[in-house]
Amino acid sequence: VEAVHLIADGKAPRIPQPKEGATYEGIQKKENAEISWDQPAAALHNWIRGHDKVPGAWATIDGQMVTFYGSSLLDASVPAGQELAIKGASRPGLVTKNGLVIFGNDGKMVLVRNLQFEDGKMIPASKYFSADETTALELTEEEKKMAEDIR
């Protein structure tokens, strides 16, 4: 009650909070979320997951900023896939059927499931090399009949 009266009377002491020991981190900016490749796989995973969704951890691939989403540590043998050069990485990533496999400086792997390009387009990482391909939807005779019935 005494504290409430001091505040109401404008006589409460004002002690500035010291910066030492403060735990609040300011809002992250996209330019500060670039992936530093010289670290173990667990640190890469933590960096990507820590920036998932905003602002999004990113790297430069083919001259453009690509944001990585949905990482997990991969504890298996190196999967088969198509190599993808990533700026700053000591080893190219691998585009596999499950996503993009990236490597830490300890040789361990991280699997990234989704990638987002600068234009905002998001794709499954496994579709990186087929992202530009367009496929026409072809219906069977039964599906064409069903489509007519629905119309």
Protein backbone atom coordinates (compact mmCIF):
# COMPACT_ATOMS: atom_id res chain seq x y z
CA VAL A 1 0.00 0.00 0.00
CA GLU A 2 2.86 2.36 0.86
CA ALA A 3 4.40 1.84 -2.59
CA VAL A 4 1.09 2.66 -4.28
CA HIS A 5 0.79 5.89 -2.26
CA LEU A 6 4.38 6.90 -3.14
CA ILE A 7 3.61 6.38 -6.85
CA ALA A 8 0.31 8.27 -6.59
CA ASP A 9 2.06 11.19 -4.85
CA GLY A 10 4.87 11.19 -7.43
CA LYS A 11 7.47 10.47 -4.73
CA ALA A 12 8.44 6.90 -5.66
CA PRO A 13 12.20 6.45 -6.17
CA ARG A 14 13.32 6.04 -9.80
CA ILE A 15 16.25 3.70 -10.15
CA PRO A 16 17.41 3.01 -13.73
CA GLN A 17 17.79 -0.67 -14.52
CA PRO A 18 21.44 -1.61 -15.08
CA LYS A 19 22.36 -3.01 -18.52
CA GLU A 20 24.46 -5.71 -16.90
CA GLY A 21 22.44 -8.89 -16.52
CA ALA A 22 19.65 -7.71 -18.82
CA THR A 23 18.19 -10.59 -20.83
CA TYR A 24 16.12 -8.70 -23.37
CA GLU A 25 17.37 -8.95 -26.93
CA GLY A 26 16.26 -6.31 -29.38
CA ILE A 27 14.32 -7.08 -32.53
CA GLN A 28 16.45 -9.05 -34.95
CA LYS A 29 17.09 -7.56 -38.36
CA LYS A 30 17.41 -9.58 -41.56
CA GLU A 31 20.94 -8.28 -42.27
CA ASN A 32 22.09 -9.74 -38.92
CA ALA A 33 20.66 -13.21 -39.62
CA GLU A 34 23.18 -14.33 -42.25
CA ILE A 35 24.47 -17.83 -41.57
CA SER A 36 28.09 -18.07 -40.46
CA TRP A 37 29.33 -21.35 -41.91
CA ASP A 38 32.40 -21.87 -39.72
CA GLN A 39 30.59 -23.65 -36.89
CA PRO A 40 29.38 -27.14 -35.98
CA ALA A 41 26.11 -28.57 -37.34
CA ALA A 42 24.32 -28.14 -33.99
CA ALA A 43 25.12 -24.40 -34.00
CA LEU A 44 23.90 -24.07 -37.62
CA HIS A 45 20.66 -25.84 -36.67
CA ASN A 46 20.18 -23.61 -33.62
CA TRP A 47 20.84 -20.48 -35.71
CA ILE A 48 18.31 -21.48 -38.37
CA ARG A 49 15.66 -22.56 -35.88
CA GLY A 50 16.28 -19.48 -33.71
CA HIS A 51 15.54 -17.20 -36.67
CA ASP A 52 12.59 -19.24 -37.95
CA LYS A 53 10.17 -17.42 -39.06
CA VAL A 54 11.31 -13.89 -38.39
CA PRO A 55 13.69 -12.64 -39.62
CA GLY A 56 14.83 -15.93 -41.18
CA ALA A 57 18.42 -17.22 -41.36
CA TRP A 58 19.82 -16.79 -44.85
CA ALA A 59 22.73 -17.48 -47.17
CA THR A 60 23.68 -16.46 -50.69
CA ILE A 61 22.99 -19.06 -53.37
CA ASP A 62 23.45 -18.27 -57.07
CA GLY A 63 23.87 -14.59 -56.22
CA GLN A 64 20.61 -14.17 -54.35
CA MET A 65 19.56 -14.22 -50.70
CA VAL A 66 17.86 -17.52 -49.85
CA THR A 67 16.23 -17.94 -46.45
CA PHE A 68 16.30 -21.34 -44.72
CA TYR A 69 13.32 -22.68 -42.73
CA GLY A 70 12.59 -25.88 -40.85
CA SER A 71 15.93 -27.40 -39.95
CA SER A 72 16.68 -30.59 -38.08
CA LEU A 73 19.88 -32.40 -37.20
CA LEU A 74 20.54 -35.34 -39.48
CA ASP A 75 22.23 -38.34 -37.91
CA ALA A 76 22.71 -40.74 -40.81
CA SER A 77 25.10 -41.46 -43.64
CA VAL A 78 25.50 -38.76 -46.29
CA PRO A 79 22.45 -39.09 -48.57
CA ALA A 80 22.56 -39.04 -52.36
CA GLY A 81 21.75 -35.69 -53.87
CA GLN A 82 22.68 -32.93 -56.28
CA GLU A 83 25.39 -30.53 -55.08
CA LEU A 84 24.46 -26.89 -54.46
CA ALA A 85 27.17 -24.27 -54.02
CA ILE A 86 26.48 -21.95 -51.06
CA LYS A 87 28.57 -18.81 -50.66
CA GLY A 88 30.86 -19.06 -47.64
CA ALA A 89 30.23 -22.75 -46.98
CA SER A 90 33.35 -24.90 -46.96
CA ARG A 91 31.39 -27.75 -48.52
CA PRO A 92 28.49 -27.59 -50.99
CA GLY A 93 25.02 -28.51 -49.80
CA LEU A 94 23.13 -31.48 -51.19
CA VAL A 95 19.61 -31.21 -52.57
CA THR A 96 18.05 -34.55 -51.67
CA LYS A 97 14.54 -36.01 -51.83
CA ASN A 98 14.00 -34.87 -48.20
CA GLY A 99 15.43 -31.35 -48.47
CA LEU A 100 18.72 -29.48 -48.47
CA VAL A 101 21.52 -31.11 -46.49
CA ILE A 102 24.14 -28.66 -45.21
CA PHE A 103 27.33 -29.47 -43.36
CA GLY A 104 28.87 -28.01 -40.21
CA ASN A 105 32.63 -27.63 -39.79
CA ASP A 106 32.49 -30.82 -37.69
CA GLY A 107 31.30 -32.84 -40.72
CA LYS A 108 27.85 -33.43 -39.21
CA MET A 109 24.70 -32.62 -41.18
CA VAL A 110 21.60 -30.44 -40.92
CA LEU A 111 18.49 -30.99 -43.04
CA VAL A 112 16.64 -27.86 -44.18
CA ARG A 113 13.10 -28.46 -45.41
CA ASN A 114 12.03 -25.14 -46.97
CA LEU A 115 13.71 -22.29 -48.84
CA GLN A 116 12.40 -18.81 -49.57
CA PHE A 117 13.74 -16.59 -52.33
CA GLU A 118 14.08 -12.80 -52.34
CA ASP A 119 10.84 -12.44 -54.33
CA GLY A 120 8.95 -14.15 -51.47
CA LYS A 121 8.44 -17.47 -53.26
CA MET A 122 8.83 -20.41 -50.87
CA ILE A 123 9.54 -23.94 -52.07
CA PRO A 124 10.37 -27.29 -50.49
CA ALA A 125 14.17 -27.47 -50.47
CA SER A 126 13.99 -30.84 -52.23
CA LYS A 127 12.53 -29.04 -55.28
CA TYR A 128 15.36 -26.47 -55.61
CA PHE A 129 16.54 -27.64 -59.03
CA SER A 130 13.01 -28.23 -60.32
CA ALA A 131 11.56 -24.94 -59.03
CA ASP A 132 11.46 -23.38 -62.50
CA GLU A 133 9.80 -26.35 -64.15
CA THR A 134 6.08 -26.14 -64.70
CA THR A 135 4.01 -29.23 -65.16
CA ALA A 136 0.58 -29.35 -66.70
CA LEU A 137 -2.09 -31.15 -64.75
CA GLU A 138 -3.43 -34.03 -66.79
CA LEU A 139 -6.71 -35.61 -65.73
CA THR A 140 -7.82 -39.15 -66.42
CA GLU A 141 -11.18 -39.71 -68.14
CA GLU A 142 -12.76 -40.49 -64.78
CA GLU A 143 -11.36 -37.27 -63.26
CA LYS A 144 -12.56 -35.24 -66.28
CA LYS A 145 -16.07 -36.64 -65.76
CA MET A 146 -15.90 -35.81 -62.05
CA ALA A 147 -14.77 -32.26 -62.88
CA GLU A 148 -17.77 -31.86 -65.22
CA ASP A 149 -20.13 -33.17 -62.55
CA ILE A 150 -18.72 -30.69 -60.04
CA ARG A 151 -19.15 -27.79 -62.49
